[in-house]
Amino acid sequence: MSDGLIPSTMQALVKASPAAGAELRDVPVPVPGDGELLIRVEAASLCGTDLHIYRWDDWAESRLRTGLPRIFGHEMAGRVVAHGPNLRGRGQIPLGTLVAAETHLVDQSCYQCRTGREHVCANLRILGVDMDGAFAQYVALPAHNAWPSEGLSPEIAAIQEPMGNAVHAAFVEEIAGQTVVVTGCGPIGLMAVAIAKLAGAARVFATDINPERLRIARQLGADVAIDGREDVVAQLRQLTGGVGVDVVLEMSGAETAIRQGFEAVTNGGRVSLLGLPAGPITLDLGSDIIFKGIRVYGITGRRMFETWYRTQALLAQGLDLRPILTHRIPLRAYNQAFELLAGGHAGKVVLLPQEA
């Protein structure tokens, strides 16, 4: 069933060959299969994974070796325009509904899925990596992964996916009344600043080496924004009366920032690690973790769908992420979008596939 207005071809950004760059192509509009919806994409935001694929670095080469050509991109929102066969449960989303995408495609039958840990499914696939994704005018999406988002702009609806990473990192334990430092103010780090502030953190600190990102962090509620090239640990100790911070939300993946976080956390505190280091790093488990009695959490994705409900509630409570959305660019200008992302002079960059 469809709204009857679906063309036969569409524009899509395709990773066609194992080399840097991408191609804008006219390709067939996908036909939704069993349990799938066809989504007319209205906004698709860029993230670090997309930059890895665009640049074709070692990670992309190892991950997509047999998956080309591939329409990439995964953070998205759009309108349901057709239903595939055999829809059940969440699949009964009416035509015309604005939905966002939970980008983790899970088998729903492995040990992790059957014990409430779908987000770490043993056979996990990812939209835009293991199947064609969202840098296109239309995308076919399993109905299980569609999140109704009426009342939001398409750009805000699209970034619920990365916001969910920040929500999961922040709320793996209670955060109200705690002192919090966010190390790394890329888009997800900036979201974490705003989330911690709205959730009632006693004080929120932010660190980064990019002055533009520190400015946005202040705008989103950071009480103090610290240049990561300074003595971050000494400043955080001073700002907390010598105690150290209760919560570290590590969003950068930078070895220096990771070390600063472990040194600055108070005895008995906790560290949530979301940023991905470029390679192995060395920590002193005795002094950094064991003797401090801290708790360390590895954060991947979002809890399905607990985190989405919390994300929805935060937005309904007035969480304003508009300062993070710094650029809205037509899909045809994708080169400009990736240059902005690579240069570090943008917050969240959003592609608009329907804009001429």
Protein backbone atom coordinates (compact mmCIF):
# COMPACT_ATOMS: atom_id res chain seq x y z
CA MET A 1 0.00 0.00 0.00
CA SER A 2 1.33 3.46 -0.91
CA ASP A 3 0.25 7.07 -1.31
CA GLY A 4 0.43 6.66 -5.09
CA LEU A 5 3.00 9.43 -5.64
CA ILE A 6 6.22 7.41 -5.65
CA PRO A 7 8.59 7.85 -8.62
CA SER A 8 10.52 4.97 -10.15
CA THR A 9 13.98 6.53 -9.69
CA MET A 10 15.65 8.76 -7.12
CA GLN A 11 18.90 10.54 -6.39
CA ALA A 12 21.22 8.81 -3.93
CA LEU A 13 24.76 9.29 -2.66
CA VAL A 14 26.61 6.09 -3.50
CA LYS A 15 29.95 4.75 -2.32
CA ALA A 16 30.72 3.09 -5.62
CA SER A 17 34.37 2.08 -5.41
CA PRO A 18 37.07 1.47 -2.77
CA ALA A 19 38.53 4.98 -2.95
CA ALA A 20 37.96 8.41 -1.44
CA GLY A 21 34.79 10.26 -2.42
CA ALA A 22 31.26 9.32 -3.44
CA GLU A 23 28.93 9.65 -6.42
CA LEU A 24 25.47 11.17 -6.73
CA ARG A 25 23.52 8.74 -8.91
CA ASP A 26 20.03 8.16 -10.24
CA VAL A 27 19.01 4.74 -8.92
CA PRO A 28 15.75 2.80 -8.60
CA VAL A 29 13.52 3.68 -5.66
CA PRO A 30 13.63 0.66 -3.31
CA VAL A 31 10.60 -1.58 -3.02
CA PRO A 32 9.74 -2.30 0.63
CA GLY A 33 9.98 -5.98 1.43
CA ASP A 34 8.36 -8.09 4.13
CA GLY A 35 7.95 -6.08 7.31
CA GLU A 36 9.41 -2.91 5.75
CA LEU A 37 8.27 0.66 5.23
CA LEU A 38 9.26 2.98 2.39
CA ILE A 39 10.35 6.36 3.77
CA ARG A 40 10.58 9.60 1.78
CA VAL A 41 13.72 11.07 3.39
CA GLU A 42 13.39 14.72 4.43
CA ALA A 43 16.59 15.10 6.48
CA ALA A 44 19.74 13.00 6.83
CA SER A 45 22.54 14.17 9.10
CA LEU A 46 26.22 13.30 8.83
CA CYS A 47 28.29 11.54 11.47
CA GLY A 48 31.83 10.27 11.89
CA THR A 49 30.99 6.86 10.41
CA ASP A 50 29.93 8.57 7.18
CA LEU A 51 33.21 10.50 7.07
CA HIS A 52 35.16 7.23 7.47
CA ILE A 53 33.27 5.80 4.49
CA TYR A 54 33.63 8.97 2.41
CA ARG A 55 37.40 9.10 3.03
CA TRP A 56 37.73 5.31 2.62
CA ASP A 57 40.12 4.82 5.55
CA ASP A 58 41.28 1.54 7.08
CA TRP A 59 38.06 1.11 9.06
CA ALA A 60 35.86 1.61 6.01
CA GLU A 61 37.96 -0.74 3.89
CA SER A 62 37.75 -3.51 6.47
CA ARG A 63 34.05 -2.96 7.17
CA LEU A 64 32.63 -2.53 3.65
CA ARG A 65 35.06 -4.70 1.70
CA THR A 66 32.28 -6.74 0.11
CA GLY A 67 29.48 -4.21 0.39
CA LEU A 68 30.02 -1.90 -2.60
CA PRO A 69 28.29 -0.16 -4.23
CA ARG A 70 26.42 1.08 -1.16
CA ILE A 71 24.11 4.02 -0.48
CA PHE A 72 25.48 5.19 2.87
CA GLY A 73 24.15 7.45 5.63
CA HIS A 74 22.02 6.42 8.59
CA GLU A 75 20.83 9.37 10.73
CA MET A 76 17.52 10.24 9.08
CA ALA A 77 13.89 11.28 9.28
CA GLY A 78 11.14 11.21 6.68
CA ARG A 79 7.53 10.37 5.87
CA VAL A 80 6.11 6.88 5.44
CA VAL A 81 4.90 6.62 1.84
CA ALA A 82 4.39 2.87 1.39
CA HIS A 83 3.89 -0.30 3.41
CA GLY A 84 5.53 -3.58 2.49
CA PRO A 85 3.73 -6.91 3.02
CA ASN A 86 3.39 -8.77 6.30
CA LEU A 87 3.55 -5.81 8.67
CA ARG A 88 2.86 -6.55 12.32
CA GLY A 89 2.96 -4.62 15.60
CA ARG A 90 4.97 -1.42 15.14
CA GLY A 91 4.55 -1.77 11.40
CA GLN A 92 1.06 -0.33 11.56
CA ILE A 93 2.39 3.22 11.19
CA PRO A 94 0.00 5.26 9.01
CA LEU A 95 1.09 6.65 5.68
CA GLY A 96 2.34 10.23 6.01
CA THR A 97 3.75 9.77 9.51
CA LEU A 98 7.11 11.41 10.19
CA VAL A 99 9.53 8.77 11.50
CA ALA A 100 13.16 8.60 12.55
CA ALA A 101 15.33 5.51 12.20
CA GLU A 102 16.82 3.27 14.85
CA THR A 103 19.82 2.29 12.76
CA HIS A 104 20.75 -0.95 14.53
CA LEU A 105 19.17 -3.81 12.61
CA VAL A 106 18.91 -6.79 14.94
CA ASP A 107 17.93 -10.42 14.48
CA GLN A 108 15.59 -10.46 17.53
CA SER A 109 16.53 -14.09 18.16
CA CYS A 110 20.13 -14.20 19.49
CA TYR A 111 21.00 -14.47 23.18
CA GLN A 112 21.48 -10.70 23.53
CA CYS A 113 18.17 -9.85 21.86
CA ARG A 114 16.30 -12.40 23.96
CA THR A 115 17.74 -10.99 27.20
CA GLY A 116 16.88 -7.33 26.65
CA ARG A 117 20.15 -6.26 25.03
CA GLU A 118 19.16 -5.78 21.41
CA HIS A 119 21.60 -2.90 21.01
CA VAL A 120 24.50 -5.36 21.24
CA CYS A 121 22.91 -8.04 19.05
CA ALA A 122 25.34 -10.82 18.16
CA ASN A 123 24.39 -10.46 14.48
CA LEU A 124 24.04 -6.69 14.37
CA ARG A 125 23.72 -4.93 11.01
CA ILE A 126 23.77 -1.16 10.54
CA LEU A 127 21.74 1.00 8.17
CA GLY A 128 23.98 2.60 5.55
CA VAL A 129 26.79 0.14 6.25
CA ASP A 130 25.33 -3.36 5.87
CA MET A 131 22.30 -2.30 3.81
CA ASP A 132 21.50 0.74 1.67
CA GLY A 133 21.02 3.81 3.78
CA ALA A 134 19.63 7.31 4.08
CA PHE A 135 21.65 9.63 1.83
CA ALA A 136 18.89 9.26 -0.72
CA GLN A 137 15.42 10.53 -1.49
CA TYR A 138 13.85 7.25 -0.36
CA VAL A 139 14.92 4.39 1.90
CA ALA A 140 13.36 1.04 2.79
CA LEU A 141 13.42 0.50 6.56
CA PRO A 142 12.27 -2.40 8.75
CA ALA A 143 9.10 -1.26 10.47
CA HIS A 144 10.59 -2.44 13.78
CA ASN A 145 13.19 0.33 13.40
CA ALA A 146 10.84 3.23 12.62
CA TRP A 147 10.25 5.70 15.46
CA PRO A 148 7.18 8.00 15.02
CA SER A 149 8.31 11.60 15.50
CA GLU A 150 5.34 13.82 14.71
CA GLY A 151 5.66 17.31 16.19
CA LEU A 152 9.40 17.57 15.53
CA SER A 153 11.13 19.20 12.58
CA PRO A 154 12.73 16.62 10.27
CA GLU A 155 16.21 17.87 11.24
CA ILE A 156 15.59 17.38 14.97
CA ALA A 157 13.84 14.06 14.34
CA ALA A 158 16.89 12.84 12.38
CA ILE A 159 19.36 13.60 15.16
CA GLN A 160 17.42 11.63 17.75
CA GLU A 161 19.62 8.70 16.71
CA PRO A 162 22.95 10.28 17.81
CA MET A 163 21.17 11.99 20.68
CA GLY A 164 20.28 8.51 21.88
CA ASN A 165 24.01 7.76 22.22
CA ALA A 166 24.35 10.75 24.53
CA VAL A 167 21.22 9.80 26.49
CA HIS A 168 22.48 6.23 26.97
CA ALA A 169 25.91 7.48 28.10
CA ALA A 170 24.45 10.00 30.52
CA PHE A 171 21.73 7.86 32.09
CA VAL A 172 23.48 4.52 32.47
CA GLU A 173 23.38 5.71 36.11
CA GLU A 174 21.62 8.61 37.84
CA ILE A 175 22.95 12.03 36.93
CA ALA A 176 20.78 14.49 38.89
CA GLY A 177 22.74 16.35 41.57
CA GLN A 178 26.10 15.13 40.21
CA THR A 179 29.01 17.11 38.86
CA VAL A 180 29.59 16.13 35.24
CA VAL A 181 32.36 16.71 32.71
CA VAL A 182 31.86 16.07 29.01
CA THR A 183 35.22 15.52 27.33
CA GLY A 184 34.88 16.21 23.61
CA CYS A 185 32.28 18.64 22.24
CA GLY A 186 31.49 17.19 18.87
CA PRO A 187 27.75 16.97 18.17
CA ILE A 188 27.12 14.04 20.56
CA GLY A 189 29.23 15.66 23.27
CA LEU A 190 27.28 18.89 22.85
CA MET A 191 24.05 16.93 23.15
CA ALA A 192 25.41 15.37 26.36
CA VAL A 193 26.05 18.85 27.78
CA ALA A 194 22.45 19.90 27.15
CA ILE A 195 21.06 16.60 28.45
CA ALA A 196 23.08 16.71 31.68
CA LYS A 197 21.97 20.28 32.33
CA LEU A 198 18.28 19.56 31.74
CA ALA A 199 18.51 16.37 33.83
CA GLY A 200 19.52 18.34 36.92
CA ALA A 201 23.29 17.86 37.10
CA ALA A 202 24.75 20.03 39.86
CA ARG A 203 27.34 21.54 37.51
CA VAL A 204 28.29 20.70 33.94
CA PHE A 205 31.81 21.17 32.59
CA ALA A 206 32.91 20.74 28.98
CA THR A 207 36.33 20.30 27.40
CA ASP A 208 37.51 20.53 23.80
CA ILE A 209 40.35 22.07 21.80
CA ASN A 210 37.96 23.80 19.33
CA PRO A 211 36.86 27.31 20.47
CA GLU A 212 33.73 27.19 18.27
CA ARG A 213 32.56 24.01 19.96
CA LEU A 214 33.29 25.40 23.42
CA ARG A 215 31.15 28.43 22.53
CA ILE A 216 28.23 26.16 21.59
CA ALA A 217 28.77 24.15 24.80
CA ARG A 218 28.30 27.34 26.84
CA GLN A 219 25.21 28.16 24.81
CA LEU A 220 23.78 24.72 25.66
CA GLY A 221 24.31 25.14 29.38
CA ALA A 222 27.91 24.26 30.26
CA ASP A 223 28.80 26.11 33.46
CA VAL A 224 32.48 26.13 32.53
CA ALA A 225 34.07 25.32 29.15
CA ILE A 226 37.76 24.40 29.31
CA ASP A 227 40.37 24.33 26.55
CA GLY A 228 41.58 20.72 26.47
CA ARG A 229 45.18 21.88 25.93
CA GLU A 230 45.24 23.45 29.38
CA ASP A 231 45.65 21.65 32.72
CA VAL A 232 42.14 20.24 32.65
CA VAL A 233 42.54 18.01 35.70
CA ALA A 234 43.79 20.85 37.91
CA GLN A 235 40.92 23.09 36.83
CA LEU A 236 38.30 20.41 37.44
CA ARG A 237 39.75 19.67 40.87
CA GLN A 238 39.62 23.37 41.71
CA LEU A 239 36.05 23.72 40.41
CA THR A 240 34.92 20.80 42.61
CA GLY A 241 36.65 21.86 45.79
CA GLY A 242 39.45 19.36 45.29
CA VAL A 243 37.07 16.39 45.17
CA GLY A 244 36.96 15.68 41.42
CA VAL A 245 33.92 15.17 39.21
CA ASP A 246 31.26 12.56 39.90
CA VAL A 247 30.62 11.66 36.25
CA VAL A 248 32.83 11.67 33.15
CA LEU A 249 31.12 11.42 29.77
CA GLU A 250 33.99 10.74 27.36
CA MET A 251 32.93 11.64 23.82
CA SER A 252 36.19 12.45 22.03
CA GLY A 253 38.16 9.24 21.68
CA ALA A 254 41.32 11.33 22.16
CA GLU A 255 43.88 9.64 24.38
CA THR A 256 44.70 12.90 26.19
CA ALA A 257 41.03 13.52 27.00
CA ILE A 258 40.51 9.93 28.15
CA ARG A 259 43.45 10.22 30.54
CA GLN A 260 42.17 13.57 31.80
CA GLY A 261 38.78 12.03 32.50
CA PHE A 262 40.18 9.14 34.53
CA GLU A 263 42.43 11.48 36.51
CA ALA A 264 39.63 13.98 37.18
CA VAL A 265 36.91 11.54 38.28
CA THR A 266 36.37 11.39 42.02
CA ASN A 267 36.89 8.22 44.06
CA GLY A 268 33.74 6.16 43.66
CA GLY A 269 32.65 8.04 40.55
CA ARG A 270 31.89 6.69 37.11
CA VAL A 271 33.12 7.04 33.54
CA SER A 272 31.01 6.46 30.41
CA LEU A 273 33.16 5.84 27.34
CA LEU A 274 31.59 6.57 23.95
CA GLY A 275 34.43 8.12 21.91
CA LEU A 276 36.48 5.66 19.86
CA PRO A 277 40.30 5.92 20.12
CA ALA A 278 42.30 5.63 16.92
CA GLY A 279 44.21 2.70 18.45
CA PRO A 280 44.97 0.96 21.75
CA ILE A 281 45.74 3.20 24.73
CA THR A 282 47.41 2.46 28.06
CA LEU A 283 45.80 3.06 31.45
CA ASP A 284 47.08 2.25 34.93
CA LEU A 285 44.23 0.02 36.07
CA GLY A 286 45.44 0.13 39.65
CA SER A 287 45.58 3.88 40.19
CA ASP A 288 43.04 4.94 37.54
CA ILE A 289 40.25 2.44 38.24
CA ILE A 290 40.71 -0.19 40.93
CA PHE A 291 42.00 1.85 43.88
CA LYS A 292 39.63 4.71 43.00
CA GLY A 293 36.68 2.30 43.10
CA ILE A 294 35.13 3.76 39.96
CA ARG A 295 32.67 2.21 37.52
CA VAL A 296 33.45 2.23 33.79
CA TYR A 297 30.79 1.74 31.12
CA GLY A 298 31.37 1.04 27.44
CA ILE A 299 28.59 2.78 25.52
CA THR A 300 27.51 1.60 22.10
CA GLY A 301 24.38 2.82 20.35
CA ARG A 302 21.13 3.12 22.26
CA ARG A 303 19.10 0.71 24.34
CA MET A 304 16.22 -0.42 22.14
CA PHE A 305 13.81 1.12 22.74
CA GLU A 306 14.18 2.36 26.30
CA THR A 307 16.57 5.12 25.24
CA TRP A 308 14.21 6.34 22.51
CA TYR A 309 11.41 6.89 25.05
CA ARG A 310 13.78 8.89 27.24
CA THR A 311 15.00 10.89 24.24
CA GLN A 312 11.40 11.65 23.31
CA ALA A 313 10.65 12.77 26.86
CA LEU A 314 13.66 15.11 27.01
CA LEU A 315 12.63 16.80 23.77
CA ALA A 316 9.08 17.16 25.08
CA GLN A 317 10.48 18.76 28.25
CA GLY A 318 12.11 21.50 26.18
CA LEU A 319 15.59 20.19 25.34
CA ASP A 320 16.68 22.57 22.57
CA LEU A 321 19.25 21.11 20.18
CA ARG A 322 18.88 23.78 17.49
CA PRO A 323 22.25 25.42 18.29
CA ILE A 324 23.94 22.14 17.27
CA LEU A 325 22.34 22.22 13.80
CA THR A 326 24.78 24.57 12.10
CA HIS A 327 24.36 23.67 8.43
CA ARG A 328 21.47 22.48 6.20
CA ILE A 329 22.68 21.55 2.72
CA PRO A 330 21.00 20.01 -0.36
CA LEU A 331 22.06 16.45 -1.11
CA ARG A 332 23.68 17.56 -4.39
CA ALA A 333 26.16 19.71 -2.37
CA TYR A 334 27.43 16.70 -0.43
CA ASN A 335 31.10 17.58 -1.05
CA GLN A 336 30.62 20.84 0.87
CA ALA A 337 28.93 18.93 3.70
CA PHE A 338 31.84 16.50 4.09
CA GLU A 339 34.39 19.34 3.91
CA LEU A 340 32.60 21.08 6.79
CA LEU A 341 32.52 17.88 8.82
CA ALA A 342 36.20 17.10 8.18
CA GLY A 343 37.29 20.67 8.97
CA GLY A 344 35.75 20.69 12.44
CA HIS A 345 34.05 24.04 11.82
CA ALA A 346 30.50 22.74 12.02
CA GLY A 347 28.16 21.27 14.56
CA LYS A 348 25.65 18.91 12.99
CA VAL A 349 25.49 19.04 9.20
CA VAL A 350 22.17 17.96 7.69
CA LEU A 351 21.60 16.92 4.09
CA LEU A 352 18.20 17.69 2.54
CA PRO A 353 17.50 15.06 -0.15
CA GLN A 354 14.26 16.62 -1.37
CA GLU A 355 15.67 20.12 -1.87
CA ALA A 356 16.35 20.95 -5.50
